[in-house]
């Protein structure tokens, strides 16, 4: 049995290598032990799955392992988005939820996400307890208890999910704007949902890559360039007003402007905050991860909103949303949650809100980004995921953390922050951040500056430095 490690949102592994039925059963048993000890097991566990290879069978394995602990289980009748499972956990008052998904990872991967009773990512405290139970199970083994199949029932996820989302936006305003949209679920679990909502309200739309394909058309189901090239092509060729892309389990969003330009998650986060806090005048602070754009701070300052900054991982955003009145919480990878819905990422919700922003202001996404740049200054973001040798990521972070390192290219380092990894501020032009992956030999390098070419120059320079270590 290979080592099982939980990352920022559950456990993931390569199908048939470490993501096996045996290991899935082990993780499910550890979660069952946690639920019996710390939650209300009689309230039951919801189990869902995405469109990856074998996800239904892995979900059935989880359901049987949970039922063997005498916990009622509701197993999704079809593939469903992770945030839909989170929503139903909260609506039904369940003890928790388990989703079989590897989110945006390549098709070879699958994973297990645990959703807590409040309808979102398990908090760091809950994850620690599950990991403690997992360590015991790995030592002692999974007891050969038979499943109680009478405790496993079918769950309709689609209808209650769509009913809840239907109430979130101003459909009259959307219809009046007469915008046309392309929806790209990337062959993932969000297929058909946003399309059906739009068509129900007579909003013109088309869906691409809406069939189930466990290979995801040969690309990673991550809504960023270059994986969204088919969406960009569809928007431009069909003369649509915008395109919305959802990752494999539909909790992260990407967007495309009418000219095919990619609207990145930082820009989406900024557009939504500007609209919800400004035009709609909704109350609440803002939560963002350490690697997210500084434009959020400027927009929040304009509207008098406090900004909470957290380590990377939506579970930290969720924690803050549970503790404080947070209007909007988001991360650099496209996961955004709002108090209008759940303390949870949901790409379909964010696509609906983006469409509403466009209709409200009668502007394209590109025009909205230009408006924000004109008011708050240009912010150009970039990231490199660099595979490194053993010890290299620690050496790199140590190098940039050292006070003796006082200058990068043309700019003095004016201050440092180490909430998660190391972030250095380059004079008044922006910042650079390095963060080590906790599960693999990878160094994540981020930068945001006032010019696109400057951001690229900073990233290229840092990659060269690290590769020489």
Protein backbone atom coordinates (compact mmCIF):
# COMPACT_ATOMS: atom_id res chain seq x y z
CA UNK A 1 0.00 0.00 0.00
CA UNK A 2 1.37 3.37 -0.99
CA UNK A 3 1.49 6.36 1.32
CA UNK A 4 -1.79 8.28 1.42
CA UNK A 5 -1.38 12.02 1.96
CA UNK A 6 -4.04 14.71 2.15
CA UNK A 7 -3.24 17.91 0.25
CA UNK A 8 -5.03 21.28 0.30
CA UNK A 9 -8.36 19.59 -0.54
CA UNK A 10 -8.40 15.86 0.11
CA UNK A 11 -6.35 12.98 -1.25
CA UNK A 12 -5.47 12.38 -4.91
CA UNK A 13 -3.56 9.66 -6.68
CA UNK A 14 -2.85 7.96 -9.99
CA UNK A 15 -5.63 5.54 -10.92
CA UNK A 16 -4.54 1.88 -10.53
CA UNK A 17 -1.19 2.89 -9.00
CA UNK A 18 -2.00 4.47 -5.64
CA UNK A 19 -5.65 5.34 -6.29
CA UNK A 20 -6.92 1.77 -5.93
CA UNK A 21 -10.08 0.24 -4.50
CA UNK A 22 -8.09 -0.90 -1.47
CA UNK A 23 -6.78 2.57 -0.74
CA UNK A 24 -10.16 4.21 -1.41
CA UNK A 25 -11.74 1.76 1.03
CA UNK A 26 -9.06 2.64 3.59
CA UNK A 27 -9.69 6.39 3.29
CA UNK A 28 -13.47 5.86 3.47
CA UNK A 29 -13.10 3.77 6.62
CA UNK A 30 -10.95 6.51 8.21
CA UNK A 31 -13.63 9.10 7.37
CA UNK A 32 -16.30 6.81 8.82
CA UNK A 33 -14.32 6.54 12.04
CA UNK A 34 -14.09 10.32 12.22
CA UNK A 35 -17.84 10.75 11.59
CA UNK A 36 -18.78 8.18 14.25
CA UNK A 37 -16.50 9.86 16.78
CA UNK A 38 -16.99 13.56 16.04
CA UNK A 39 -20.18 14.10 14.01
CA UNK A 40 -23.79 12.84 14.02
CA UNK A 41 -23.50 9.58 12.09
CA UNK A 42 -27.25 9.04 12.09
CA UNK A 43 -27.59 12.09 9.82
CA UNK A 44 -25.79 10.13 7.13
CA UNK A 45 -23.14 10.75 4.50
CA UNK A 46 -23.72 11.91 0.91
CA UNK A 47 -21.45 10.38 -1.73
CA UNK A 48 -20.96 11.90 -5.18
CA UNK A 49 -18.59 11.48 -8.10
CA UNK A 50 -17.35 13.19 -11.26
CA UNK A 51 -16.95 11.92 -14.84
CA UNK A 52 -13.49 10.38 -14.48
CA UNK A 53 -12.63 6.80 -15.27
CA UNK A 54 -14.13 4.45 -12.69
CA UNK A 55 -15.60 7.22 -10.53
CA UNK A 56 -18.99 5.45 -10.16
CA UNK A 57 -17.32 2.26 -8.97
CA UNK A 58 -15.04 4.10 -6.57
CA UNK A 59 -18.09 5.97 -5.22
CA UNK A 60 -19.92 2.67 -4.72
CA UNK A 61 -16.87 1.35 -2.83
CA UNK A 62 -16.97 4.42 -0.57
CA UNK A 63 -20.70 4.02 0.02
CA UNK A 64 -20.28 0.37 1.00
CA UNK A 65 -17.37 1.16 3.34
CA UNK A 66 -19.38 3.91 5.04
CA UNK A 67 -22.45 1.69 5.38
CA UNK A 68 -20.31 -1.03 7.00
CA UNK A 69 -19.90 1.41 9.92
CA UNK A 70 -23.73 1.54 10.26
CA UNK A 71 -23.89 5.03 8.77
CA UNK A 72 -26.74 5.80 6.30
CA UNK A 73 -25.47 6.71 2.83
CA UNK A 74 -27.08 8.61 -0.04
CA UNK A 75 -25.24 7.80 -3.28
CA UNK A 76 -25.63 10.20 -6.23
CA UNK A 77 -27.66 8.77 -9.09
CA UNK A 78 -25.38 10.41 -11.68
CA UNK A 79 -22.15 12.39 -11.94
CA UNK A 80 -22.50 15.75 -10.18
CA UNK A 81 -20.38 18.81 -9.36
CA UNK A 82 -18.54 18.84 -6.05
CA UNK A 83 -20.33 22.06 -4.94
CA UNK A 84 -23.69 20.37 -5.61
CA UNK A 85 -22.78 17.66 -3.08
CA UNK A 86 -21.67 20.40 -0.65
CA UNK A 87 -25.01 22.17 -1.07
CA UNK A 88 -27.05 19.03 -0.43
CA UNK A 89 -24.98 18.18 2.63
CA UNK A 90 -26.06 21.50 4.11
CA UNK A 91 -29.67 21.40 2.89
CA UNK A 92 -30.24 17.87 4.20
CA UNK A 93 -28.38 18.38 7.48
CA UNK A 94 -26.07 15.46 6.69
CA UNK A 95 -23.03 14.61 8.78
CA UNK A 96 -20.81 15.21 5.76
CA UNK A 97 -20.17 14.42 2.12
CA UNK A 98 -17.56 12.54 0.09
CA UNK A 99 -16.84 13.35 -3.55
CA UNK A 100 -14.82 11.13 -5.86
CA UNK A 101 -12.88 13.58 -8.01
CA UNK A 102 -9.42 14.80 -8.85
CA UNK A 103 -10.81 18.21 -9.77
CA UNK A 104 -8.63 19.81 -12.48
CA UNK A 105 -5.88 17.17 -12.45
CA UNK A 106 -5.02 15.16 -15.62
CA UNK A 107 -7.21 12.21 -16.55
CA UNK A 108 -4.84 9.65 -14.97
CA UNK A 109 -5.74 10.98 -11.52
CA UNK A 110 -8.70 10.55 -9.22
CA UNK A 111 -9.28 11.57 -5.63
CA UNK A 112 -11.41 11.83 -2.53
CA UNK A 113 -12.70 15.14 -1.17
CA UNK A 114 -14.46 15.34 2.19
CA UNK A 115 -17.13 18.00 2.67
CA UNK A 116 -18.10 18.99 6.20
CA UNK A 117 -21.62 19.41 7.57
CA UNK A 118 -21.61 23.17 6.86
CA UNK A 119 -21.36 22.45 3.12
CA UNK A 120 -17.76 23.14 2.18
CA UNK A 121 -14.17 21.98 2.41
CA UNK A 122 -13.20 20.31 5.63
CA UNK A 123 -11.41 22.76 7.91
CA UNK A 124 -7.74 22.18 8.76
CA UNK A 125 -8.87 20.94 12.19
CA UNK A 126 -11.22 18.35 10.64
CA UNK A 127 -8.59 17.27 8.11
CA UNK A 128 -6.13 16.74 10.97
CA UNK A 129 -8.62 14.48 12.74
CA UNK A 130 -9.27 12.46 9.57
CA UNK A 131 -5.53 12.10 9.03
CA UNK A 132 -5.18 10.87 12.61
CA UNK A 133 -7.86 8.24 12.00
CA UNK A 134 -6.20 7.33 8.71
CA UNK A 135 -2.87 6.71 10.46
CA UNK A 136 -4.61 4.28 12.83
CA UNK A 137 -6.33 2.48 9.95
CA UNK A 138 -3.05 2.16 8.06
CA UNK A 139 -1.50 0.54 11.14
CA UNK A 140 -4.42 -1.69 12.06
CA UNK A 141 -6.01 -2.38 8.67
CA UNK A 142 -9.62 -2.17 7.54
CA UNK A 143 -11.82 -4.65 9.44
CA UNK A 144 -13.57 -7.20 7.18
CA UNK A 145 -17.07 -5.88 7.90
CA UNK A 146 -19.76 -6.47 5.27
CA UNK A 147 -21.58 -3.46 3.81
CA UNK A 148 -25.17 -2.80 4.89
CA UNK A 149 -26.63 -2.32 1.43
CA UNK A 150 -30.04 -1.49 2.91
CA UNK A 151 -28.42 1.70 4.29
CA UNK A 152 -27.40 2.88 0.79
CA UNK A 153 -30.02 4.95 -1.04
CA UNK A 154 -30.07 6.85 -4.32
CA UNK A 155 -29.71 10.64 -4.32
CA UNK A 156 -31.07 13.07 -6.93
CA UNK A 157 -28.50 15.88 -6.94
CA UNK A 158 -29.47 17.78 -10.07
CA UNK A 159 -33.00 19.02 -9.26
CA UNK A 160 -32.38 20.57 -5.82
CA UNK A 161 -29.09 22.05 -6.99
CA UNK A 162 -30.66 23.80 -9.98
CA UNK A 163 -33.61 24.97 -7.89
CA UNK A 164 -31.25 26.68 -5.44
CA UNK A 165 -29.13 28.32 -8.15
CA UNK A 166 -32.22 29.55 -9.96
CA UNK A 167 -32.87 32.07 -7.17
CA UNK A 168 -29.42 33.68 -7.19
CA UNK A 169 -29.54 36.17 -10.08
CA UNK A 170 -31.83 38.70 -11.74
CA UNK A 171 -33.14 36.76 -14.73
CA UNK A 172 -35.27 39.65 -16.03
CA UNK A 173 -32.18 41.83 -16.29
CA UNK A 174 -30.25 39.01 -17.97
CA UNK A 175 -32.97 38.44 -20.58
CA UNK A 176 -33.23 42.16 -21.32
CA UNK A 177 -29.49 42.41 -22.02
CA UNK A 178 -29.76 39.79 -24.77
CA UNK A 179 -26.22 38.54 -24.31
CA UNK A 180 -25.25 35.18 -25.82
CA UNK A 181 -22.97 32.74 -24.02
CA UNK A 182 -20.92 29.60 -24.63
CA UNK A 183 -20.58 27.12 -21.77
CA UNK A 184 -17.65 24.72 -21.61
CA UNK A 185 -17.84 22.07 -18.86
CA UNK A 186 -14.67 20.46 -20.31
CA UNK A 187 -16.37 17.03 -20.37
CA UNK A 188 -16.69 17.24 -16.59
CA UNK A 189 -19.36 17.01 -13.93
CA UNK A 190 -20.86 20.45 -14.67
CA UNK A 191 -22.18 19.41 -18.07
CA UNK A 192 -25.72 20.45 -18.88
CA UNK A 193 -26.38 22.41 -15.69
CA UNK A 194 -25.62 26.02 -16.61
CA UNK A 195 -26.96 25.36 -20.11
CA UNK A 196 -30.30 24.18 -18.72
CA UNK A 197 -30.55 27.15 -16.35
CA UNK A 198 -29.93 29.62 -19.17
CA UNK A 199 -32.38 27.94 -21.52
CA UNK A 200 -35.03 27.71 -18.82
CA UNK A 201 -34.93 31.52 -18.69
CA UNK A 202 -34.58 32.06 -22.46
CA UNK A 203 -30.94 33.15 -22.32
CA UNK A 204 -29.21 32.29 -25.60
CA UNK A 205 -26.38 29.82 -25.10
CA UNK A 206 -24.54 26.86 -26.53
CA UNK A 207 -22.58 24.16 -24.74
CA UNK A 208 -19.36 22.62 -26.05
CA UNK A 209 -17.47 19.62 -24.66
CA UNK A 210 -20.65 18.56 -22.86
CA UNK A 211 -20.30 14.82 -23.42
CA UNK A 212 -18.72 12.50 -20.90
CA UNK A 213 -15.10 11.78 -21.78
CA UNK A 214 -12.85 10.31 -19.04
CA UNK A 215 -9.85 11.49 -21.12
CA UNK A 216 -11.20 15.08 -21.18
CA UNK A 217 -10.47 15.44 -24.86
CA UNK A 218 -6.75 14.99 -24.23
CA UNK A 219 -6.27 18.13 -22.09
CA UNK A 220 -6.31 18.79 -18.37
CA UNK A 221 -9.84 19.77 -17.25
CA UNK A 222 -8.49 23.04 -15.86
CA UNK A 223 -10.17 26.25 -17.12
CA UNK A 224 -7.00 28.12 -18.06
CA UNK A 225 -4.96 28.56 -21.23
CA UNK A 226 -4.16 26.54 -23.29
CA UNK A 227 -6.86 24.05 -22.20
CA UNK A 228 -9.71 26.43 -23.06
CA UNK A 229 -8.69 26.95 -26.70
CA UNK A 230 -11.91 25.29 -28.00
CA UNK A 231 -13.97 27.73 -25.91
CA UNK A 232 -12.04 30.72 -27.25
CA UNK A 233 -12.57 29.49 -30.80
CA UNK A 234 -16.30 28.87 -30.26
CA UNK A 235 -16.86 32.33 -28.77
CA UNK A 236 -15.09 34.15 -31.59
CA UNK A 237 -16.46 32.09 -34.46
CA UNK A 238 -20.04 32.23 -33.17
CA UNK A 239 -19.78 35.93 -32.24
CA UNK A 240 -20.88 35.21 -28.67
CA UNK A 241 -20.56 37.79 -25.89
CA UNK A 242 -18.67 35.58 -23.43
CA UNK A 243 -17.69 32.03 -22.61
CA UNK A 244 -17.59 30.28 -19.25
CA UNK A 245 -15.40 27.24 -18.52
CA UNK A 246 -15.79 24.87 -15.57
CA UNK A 247 -13.10 22.50 -14.33
CA UNK A 248 -13.56 18.73 -13.98
CA UNK A 249 -15.71 18.87 -10.85
CA UNK A 250 -17.16 22.32 -11.58
CA UNK A 251 -15.85 24.21 -8.58
CA UNK A 252 -13.35 26.43 -10.45
CA UNK A 253 -14.17 28.91 -13.19
CA UNK A 254 -12.44 30.43 -16.18
CA UNK A 255 -13.91 32.92 -18.65
CA UNK A 256 -13.40 34.21 -22.19
CA UNK A 257 -14.26 37.66 -23.55
CA UNK A 258 -16.06 38.17 -26.85
CA UNK A 259 -12.73 38.63 -28.66
CA UNK A 260 -11.38 35.33 -27.32
CA UNK A 261 -9.19 36.90 -24.62
CA UNK A 262 -8.81 34.82 -21.46
CA UNK A 263 -10.26 36.44 -18.34
CA UNK A 264 -8.19 34.99 -15.52
CA UNK A 265 -9.45 34.06 -12.02
CA UNK A 266 -7.94 37.20 -10.44
CA UNK A 267 -9.91 39.37 -12.85
CA UNK A 268 -13.08 37.36 -12.23
CA UNK A 269 -12.66 37.74 -8.46
CA UNK A 270 -12.08 41.50 -8.88
CA UNK A 271 -15.10 41.96 -11.19
CA UNK A 272 -17.40 40.12 -8.77
CA UNK A 273 -16.17 42.05 -5.73
CA UNK A 274 -16.51 45.40 -7.53
CA UNK A 275 -20.08 44.53 -8.51
CA UNK A 276 -21.34 42.93 -5.29
CA UNK A 277 -19.78 45.51 -2.96
CA UNK A 278 -20.28 48.50 -5.27
CA UNK A 279 -23.34 48.19 -7.52
CA UNK A 280 -25.30 45.84 -5.27
CA UNK A 281 -23.96 47.38 -2.02
CA UNK A 282 -23.92 44.03 -0.22
CA UNK A 283 -22.27 44.02 3.18
CA UNK A 284 -19.33 41.90 4.22
CA UNK A 285 -15.56 41.67 4.25
CA UNK A 286 -13.29 39.89 1.77
CA UNK A 287 -11.10 36.80 2.19
CA UNK A 288 -8.33 35.88 -0.23
CA UNK A 289 -5.40 33.53 -0.30
CA UNK A 290 -1.80 34.73 -0.09
CA UNK A 291 -1.20 34.25 -3.83
CA UNK A 292 -4.16 36.34 -5.04
CA UNK A 293 -4.06 39.71 -6.83
CA UNK A 294 -3.55 42.94 -4.90
CA UNK A 295 -6.33 44.54 -6.95
CA UNK A 296 -8.71 42.95 -4.44
CA UNK A 297 -7.16 45.07 -1.66
CA UNK A 298 -7.66 48.25 -3.69
CA UNK A 299 -11.31 47.50 -4.51
CA UNK A 300 -11.99 46.54 -0.90
CA UNK A 301 -10.41 49.78 0.31
CA UNK A 302 -12.64 51.84 -1.98
CA UNK A 303 -15.76 50.28 -0.49
CA UNK A 304 -14.47 50.23 3.08
CA UNK A 305 -14.18 46.45 3.36
CA UNK A 306 -11.73 44.56 5.53
CA UNK A 307 -9.47 42.07 3.75
CA UNK A 308 -8.51 38.80 5.41
CA UNK A 309 -5.51 37.02 3.88
CA UNK A 310 -5.03 33.27 4.37
CA UNK A 311 -2.57 30.54 3.40
CA UNK A 312 -3.17 28.87 0.03
CA UNK A 313 -6.11 26.44 0.02
CA UNK A 314 -9.83 27.10 0.00
CA UNK A 315 -10.22 25.34 3.35
CA UNK A 316 -8.63 28.43 4.93
CA UNK A 317 -11.03 30.72 3.06
CA UNK A 318 -13.90 28.55 4.26
CA UNK A 319 -12.70 28.78 7.85
CA UNK A 320 -12.72 32.58 7.62
CA UNK A 321 -16.17 32.61 5.98
CA UNK A 322 -17.53 30.52 8.86
CA UNK A 323 -16.01 32.84 11.45
CA UNK A 324 -16.73 36.26 9.90
CA UNK A 325 -19.21 38.07 7.68
CA UNK A 326 -17.45 37.49 4.35
CA UNK A 327 -19.13 38.73 1.19
CA UNK A 328 -16.66 37.06 -1.14
CA UNK A 329 -13.77 34.68 -0.62
CA UNK A 330 -11.44 33.46 -3.34
CA UNK A 331 -8.18 31.94 -4.40
CA UNK A 332 -5.76 32.29 -7.29
CA UNK A 333 -6.84 29.06 -8.98
CA UNK A 334 -10.41 30.13 -9.76
CA UNK A 335 -12.21 28.95 -6.64
CA UNK A 336 -14.57 31.68 -5.38
CA UNK A 337 -17.30 31.49 -2.75
CA UNK A 338 -19.94 34.01 -1.70
CA UNK A 339 -22.23 34.37 1.28
CA UNK A 340 -25.09 34.56 -1.22
CA UNK A 341 -24.69 30.80 -1.61
CA UNK A 342 -22.19 28.70 0.39
CA UNK A 343 -18.73 29.01 1.97
CA UNK A 344 -17.67 26.90 -1.00
CA UNK A 345 -16.23 27.26 -4.50
CA UNK A 346 -18.84 26.90 -7.23
CA UNK A 347 -18.05 27.59 -10.89
CA UNK A 348 -21.70 27.51 -11.98
CA UNK A 349 -22.67 30.11 -9.38
CA UNK A 350 -19.79 32.35 -10.41
CA UNK A 351 -20.68 32.05 -14.10
CA UNK A 352 -24.24 33.14 -13.26
CA UNK A 353 -22.94 36.11 -11.28
CA UNK A 354 -20.55 37.12 -14.08
CA UNK A 355 -23.42 37.04 -16.57
CA UNK A 356 -25.42 39.23 -14.18
CA UNK A 357 -22.54 41.73 -13.90
CA UNK A 358 -22.39 41.98 -17.70
CA UNK A 359 -26.15 42.50 -17.94
CA UNK A 360 -26.26 44.97 -15.05
CA UNK A 361 -23.55 47.24 -16.50
CA UNK A 362 -24.15 46.41 -20.20
CA UNK A 363 -20.43 45.74 -20.68
CA UNK A 364 -18.36 42.85 -21.94
CA UNK A 365 -15.89 41.11 -19.63
CA UNK A 366 -12.99 42.81 -21.42
CA UNK A 367 -14.61 46.21 -20.93
CA UNK A 368 -15.08 45.46 -17.24
CA UNK A 369 -11.41 44.52 -16.85
CA UNK A 370 -10.38 47.71 -18.67
CA UNK A 371 -12.62 49.74 -16.36
CA UNK A 372 -10.96 48.20 -13.29
CA UNK A 373 -7.46 48.77 -14.69
CA UNK A 374 -8.32 52.40 -15.39
CA UNK A 375 -9.51 52.96 -11.83
CA UNK A 376 -7.19 50.75 -9.78
CA UNK A 377 -4.11 50.44 -11.97
CA UNK A 378 -2.98 47.59 -14.19
CA UNK A 379 -2.37 44.22 -12.56
CA UNK A 380 -0.76 41.48 -14.66
CA UNK A 381 -0.36 38.08 -13.06
CA UNK A 382 1.69 35.04 -13.96
CA UNK A 383 2.63 31.68 -12.45
CA UNK A 384 5.15 28.94 -13.19
CA UNK A 385 5.02 25.43 -11.70
CA UNK A 386 8.63 24.30 -11.69
CA UNK A 387 9.59 20.65 -11.16
CA UNK A 388 12.70 20.57 -8.99
CA UNK A 389 15.18 18.13 -7.46
CA UNK A 390 15.08 16.99 -3.85
CA UNK A 391 15.89 19.89 -1.54
CA UNK A 392 15.80 22.46 -4.32
CA UNK A 393 12.47 24.06 -3.40
CA UNK A 394 13.61 24.56 0.21
CA UNK A 395 16.89 26.04 -0.98
CA UNK A 396 15.04 28.45 -3.31
CA UNK A 397 12.68 29.68 -0.61
CA UNK A 398 15.61 30.13 1.75
CA UNK A 399 17.49 32.14 -0.86
CA UNK A 400 14.66 34.61 -1.47
CA UNK A 401 13.89 34.80 2.27
CA UNK A 402 17.42 35.85 3.12
CA UNK A 403 17.66 39.55 3.99
CA UNK A 404 21.00 39.62 2.16
CA UNK A 405 19.08 39.20 -1.09
CA UNK A 406 18.11 42.84 -1.62
CA UNK A 407 17.47 43.28 -5.33
CA UNK A 408 15.88 41.46 -8.27
CA UNK A 409 16.76 42.74 -11.75
CA UNK A 410 15.97 46.50 -11.76
CA UNK A 411 14.05 46.65 -8.49
CA UNK A 412 14.96 46.76 -4.82
CA UNK A 413 13.16 44.40 -2.45
CA UNK A 414 11.28 46.69 -0.08
CA UNK A 415 9.65 44.10 2.20
CA UNK A 416 8.90 40.41 2.68
CA UNK A 417 5.95 38.32 3.93
CA UNK A 418 5.97 34.63 4.83
CA UNK A 419 2.36 33.65 5.47
CA UNK A 420 2.72 30.73 3.03
CA UNK A 421 6.07 30.41 1.33
CA UNK A 422 7.86 33.71 0.77
CA UNK A 423 6.58 36.86 -0.94
CA UNK A 424 8.91 39.75 -1.79
CA UNK A 425 7.73 43.19 -2.89
CA UNK A 426 9.66 44.80 -5.76
CA UNK A 427 9.75 48.55 -5.23
CA UNK A 428 6.32 49.83 -6.32
CA UNK A 429 5.86 47.64 -9.41
CA UNK A 430 4.52 44.47 -7.79
CA UNK A 431 5.53 41.28 -6.04
CA UNK A 432 7.08 37.84 -6.40
CA UNK A 433 6.11 34.74 -4.42
CA UNK A 434 7.60 31.27 -4.05
CA UNK A 435 5.72 28.39 -2.45
CA UNK A 436 6.68 24.72 -2.17
CA UNK A 437 4.20 21.98 -2.97
CA UNK A 438 3.49 19.86 0.09
CA UNK A 439 3.01 16.61 -1.85
CA UNK A 440 5.47 16.65 -4.77
CA UNK A 441 8.82 18.06 -5.89
CA UNK A 442 7.37 21.24 -7.31
CA UNK A 443 8.04 24.90 -6.66
CA UNK A 444 5.23 27.32 -7.50
CA UNK A 445 6.49 30.74 -8.58
CA UNK A 446 4.02 33.64 -8.80
CA UNK A 447 4.37 37.26 -9.78
CA UNK A 448 2.12 40.27 -10.30
CA UNK A 449 3.33 43.57 -11.73
CA UNK A 450 2.00 46.61 -13.54
CA UNK A 451 2.98 45.34 -17.01
CA UNK A 452 2.55 41.96 -18.69
CA UNK A 453 6.09 41.92 -20.04
CA UNK A 454 7.50 42.81 -16.60
CA UNK A 455 5.70 39.89 -14.99
CA UNK A 456 7.16 37.53 -17.58
CA UNK A 457 10.62 38.99 -17.10
CA UNK A 458 10.43 38.50 -13.31
CA UNK A 459 9.25 34.90 -13.63
CA UNK A 460 11.89 34.02 -16.23
CA UNK A 461 14.60 35.51 -14.03
CA UNK A 462 13.52 33.58 -10.92
CA UNK A 463 13.21 30.30 -12.83
CA UNK A 464 16.79 30.77 -14.09
CA UNK A 465 18.05 31.43 -10.55
CA UNK A 466 16.30 28.37 -9.12
CA UNK A 467 17.50 26.05 -11.89
CA UNK A 468 21.11 26.99 -11.10
CA UNK A 469 20.77 25.96 -7.43
